[in-house]
Amino acid sequence: MLIRDHGPGWPEIVRDHLGEPFVTTRPGGVGLGLYFAYQLTETIGGTLELDAAEGGGAIARMVLPVARESAGGGAR
């Protein structure tokens, strides 16, 4: 999944501390949104990357593993 915006981009502190809790640049923010997204993605074997978009803005790229059918024949 790829999400892109045309804003000012990722602040350096956010990129440098991805995956750490309580990192925020928002007044009154608690810094848990990207932390939870990162932890969930990593827990299920995926990756979350933050990049700068060409021409300005920010990109968040989440790569998740493909689900495999279980040996028991799938969900019931």
C-alpha atoms as a PDB file:
ATOM      1  CA  MET A   1       0.000   0.000   0.000  1.00  0.00           C
ATOM      2  CA  LEU A   2       1.322   3.449  -0.874  1.00  0.00           C
ATOM      3  CA  ILE A   3       0.059   6.712   0.594  1.00  0.00           C
ATOM      4  CA  ARG A   4       1.302  10.049  -0.718  1.00  0.00           C
ATOM      5  CA  ASP A   5       0.572  13.648   0.117  1.00  0.00           C
ATOM      6  CA  HIS A   6       1.762  16.992  -1.222  1.00  0.00           C
ATOM      7  CA  GLY A   7       2.540  18.642   2.127  1.00  0.00           C
ATOM      8  CA  PRO A   8       5.911  19.571   3.626  1.00  0.00           C
ATOM      9  CA  GLY A   9       7.170  15.980   3.880  1.00  0.00           C
ATOM     10  CA  TRP A  10       8.304  13.918   6.854  1.00  0.00           C
ATOM     11  CA  PRO A  11      10.142  15.809   9.569  1.00  0.00           C
ATOM     12  CA  GLU A  12      13.651  14.425  10.079  1.00  0.00           C
ATOM     13  CA  ILE A  13      12.910  13.417  13.673  1.00  0.00           C
ATOM     14  CA  VAL A  14       9.979  11.254  12.513  1.00  0.00           C
ATOM     15  CA  ARG A  15      12.052   9.503   9.819  1.00  0.00           C
ATOM     16  CA  ASP A  16      14.987   8.990  12.178  1.00  0.00           C
ATOM     17  CA  HIS A  17      12.829   7.501  14.948  1.00  0.00           C
ATOM     18  CA  LEU A  18      10.289   5.419  13.003  1.00  0.00           C
ATOM     19  CA  GLY A  19       9.129   2.550  15.178  1.00  0.00           C
ATOM     20  CA  GLU A  20       9.719   4.390  18.446  1.00  0.00           C
ATOM     21  CA  PRO A  21       6.804   5.507  20.627  1.00  0.00           C
ATOM     22  CA  PHE A  22       6.108   9.090  21.693  1.00  0.00           C
ATOM     23  CA  VAL A  23       7.801  10.771  18.720  1.00  0.00           C
ATOM     24  CA  THR A  24       5.627  13.635  17.513  1.00  0.00           C
ATOM     25  CA  THR A  25       5.849  17.090  16.011  1.00  0.00           C
ATOM     26  CA  ARG A  26       2.201  17.947  16.689  1.00  0.00           C
ATOM     27  CA  PRO A  27       1.270  20.147  19.640  1.00  0.00           C
ATOM     28  CA  GLY A  28      -0.702  17.905  21.976  1.00  0.00           C
ATOM     29  CA  GLY A  29       0.189  14.794  19.961  1.00  0.00           C
ATOM     30  CA  VAL A  30       1.160  11.609  21.752  1.00  0.00           C
ATOM     31  CA  GLY A  31       3.311  10.063  19.012  1.00  0.00           C
ATOM     32  CA  LEU A  32       1.675   6.660  18.871  1.00  0.00           C
ATOM     33  CA  GLY A  33       0.017   6.553  15.412  1.00  0.00           C
ATOM     34  CA  LEU A  34       3.075   5.661  13.312  1.00  0.00           C
ATOM     35  CA  TYR A  35       4.427   3.587  16.191  1.00  0.00           C
ATOM     36  CA  PHE A  36       1.341   1.352  16.178  1.00  0.00           C
ATOM     37  CA  ALA A  37       1.333   1.110  12.374  1.00  0.00           C
ATOM     38  CA  TYR A  38       5.031   0.188  12.379  1.00  0.00           C
ATOM     39  CA  GLN A  39       4.725  -2.389  15.166  1.00  0.00           C
ATOM     40  CA  LEU A  40       1.706  -4.095  13.598  1.00  0.00           C
ATOM     41  CA  THR A  41       3.355  -4.200  10.176  1.00  0.00           C
ATOM     42  CA  GLU A  42       6.595  -5.640  11.573  1.00  0.00           C
ATOM     43  CA  THR A  43       4.732  -8.165  13.750  1.00  0.00           C
ATOM     44  CA  ILE A  44       3.015  -9.710  10.734  1.00  0.00           C
ATOM     45  CA  GLY A  45       6.244  -9.814   8.725  1.00  0.00           C
ATOM     46  CA  GLY A  46       5.871  -6.641   6.675  1.00  0.00           C
ATOM     47  CA  THR A  47       7.738  -3.370   6.390  1.00  0.00           C
ATOM     48  CA  LEU A  48       6.790   0.291   6.738  1.00  0.00           C
ATOM     49  CA  GLU A  49       8.960   2.905   5.027  1.00  0.00           C
ATOM     50  CA  LEU A  50       8.782   6.697   5.025  1.00  0.00           C
ATOM     51  CA  ASP A  51      10.171   8.556   2.012  1.00  0.00           C
ATOM     52  CA  ALA A  52      10.194  12.009   0.497  1.00  0.00           C
ATOM     53  CA  ALA A  53       8.040  12.366  -2.610  1.00  0.00           C
ATOM     54  CA  GLU A  54       9.620  13.732  -5.763  1.00  0.00           C
ATOM     55  CA  GLY A  55       8.522  17.329  -6.109  1.00  0.00           C
ATOM     56  CA  GLY A  56       7.623  17.605  -2.411  1.00  0.00           C
ATOM     57  CA  GLY A  57       5.401  15.798   0.004  1.00  0.00           C
ATOM     58  CA  ALA A  58       5.597  12.537   1.865  1.00  0.00           C
ATOM     59  CA  ILE A  59       5.216   8.861   0.983  1.00  0.00           C
ATOM     60  CA  ALA A  60       4.390   6.042   3.389  1.00  0.00           C
ATOM     61  CA  ARG A  61       4.915   2.574   1.890  1.00  0.00           C
ATOM     62  CA  MET A  62       3.574  -0.516   3.663  1.00  0.00           C
ATOM     63  CA  VAL A  63       4.554  -3.912   2.261  1.00  0.00           C
ATOM     64  CA  LEU A  64       2.700  -6.896   3.710  1.00  0.00           C
ATOM     65  CA  PRO A  65       3.329 -10.614   3.221  1.00  0.00           C
ATOM     66  CA  VAL A  66       0.969 -12.623   1.042  1.00  0.00           C
ATOM     67  CA  ALA A  67      -1.448 -14.792   3.028  1.00  0.00           C
ATOM     68  CA  ARG A  68      -1.073 -18.488   2.360  1.00  0.00           C
ATOM     69  CA  GLU A  69      -3.892 -20.986   2.551  1.00  0.00           C
ATOM     70  CA  SER A  70      -3.571 -23.260   5.552  1.00  0.00           C
ATOM     71  CA  ALA A  71      -3.020 -27.011   5.135  1.00  0.00           C
ATOM     72  CA  GLY A  72      -6.494 -27.571   6.590  1.00  0.00           C
ATOM     73  CA  GLY A  73      -8.210 -26.187   3.498  1.00  0.00           C
ATOM     74  CA  GLY A  74      -8.753 -22.556   4.441  1.00  0.00           C
ATOM     75  CA  ALA A  75     -11.123 -20.642   6.688  1.00  0.00           C
ATOM     76  CA  ARG A  76     -14.371 -22.164   7.952  1.00  0.00           C
END
